[in-house]
Amino acid sequence: MSSSSKKSAPLPASSGGLMRFFEDETKGFKIDPKIVVSIPISLIVVSWTIELFLAP
């Protein structure tokens, strides 16, 4: 086997191949995962607070 055929071979379905896939640069917004988690949690807390104080 030549080295060029090795490079074009598909990666095995292992964690190494998945890490290489997710490390590729992609276009679009880059948002910190902490922000993505904290926004819904803060919206839930705000809605509970509003419901608590405005409930008859």
Protein backbone atom coordinates (compact mmCIF):
# COMPACT_ATOMS: atom_id res chain seq x y z
CA MET A 1 0.00 0.00 0.00
CA SER A 2 1.27 3.43 -0.80
CA SER A 3 1.06 6.35 1.63
CA SER A 4 -1.39 8.25 -0.60
CA SER A 5 -3.98 5.46 -0.41
CA LYS A 6 -3.63 5.41 3.38
CA LYS A 7 -4.43 9.13 3.65
CA SER A 8 -7.60 8.84 1.57
CA ALA A 9 -8.91 5.86 3.55
CA PRO A 10 -11.89 6.65 5.82
CA LEU A 11 -11.21 7.01 9.51
CA PRO A 12 -12.42 4.26 11.81
CA ALA A 13 -15.44 4.97 14.01
CA SER A 14 -13.41 5.51 17.15
CA SER A 15 -13.06 8.39 19.57
CA GLY A 16 -9.95 9.54 17.68
CA GLY A 17 -11.93 9.99 14.48
CA LEU A 18 -14.74 11.81 16.29
CA MET A 19 -12.33 14.19 18.00
CA ARG A 20 -10.72 15.00 14.68
CA PHE A 21 -14.16 15.70 13.18
CA PHE A 22 -15.24 18.06 15.97
CA GLU A 23 -11.92 19.91 16.05
CA ASP A 24 -12.32 21.07 12.45
CA GLU A 25 -12.97 24.77 12.03
CA THR A 26 -16.53 25.51 11.01
CA LYS A 27 -18.18 28.71 9.89
CA GLY A 28 -20.71 30.41 12.11
CA PHE A 29 -21.03 31.72 15.62
CA LYS A 30 -18.88 30.34 18.39
CA ILE A 31 -20.71 30.41 21.72
CA ASP A 32 -19.31 29.19 25.01
CA PRO A 33 -21.28 26.15 26.28
CA LYS A 34 -21.62 27.81 29.70
CA ILE A 35 -23.62 30.62 28.08
CA VAL A 36 -25.81 28.16 26.18
CA VAL A 37 -26.69 26.38 29.44
CA SER A 38 -27.05 29.49 31.60
CA ILE A 39 -29.53 31.34 29.34
CA PRO A 40 -32.35 28.74 29.59
CA ILE A 41 -31.73 28.26 33.30
CA SER A 42 -31.93 32.01 33.92
CA LEU A 43 -35.15 32.24 31.87
CA ILE A 44 -36.68 29.48 33.99
CA VAL A 45 -35.68 31.25 37.21
CA VAL A 46 -37.10 34.57 35.95
CA SER A 47 -40.39 32.93 34.95
CA TRP A 48 -40.69 31.19 38.34
CA THR A 49 -39.99 34.49 40.12
CA ILE A 50 -42.61 36.35 38.08
CA GLU A 51 -45.15 33.58 38.71
CA LEU A 52 -44.39 33.59 42.43
CA PHE A 53 -44.82 37.35 42.89
CA LEU A 54 -47.68 37.91 40.47
CA ALA A 55 -49.75 34.88 41.40
CA PRO A 56 -53.05 35.84 43.08
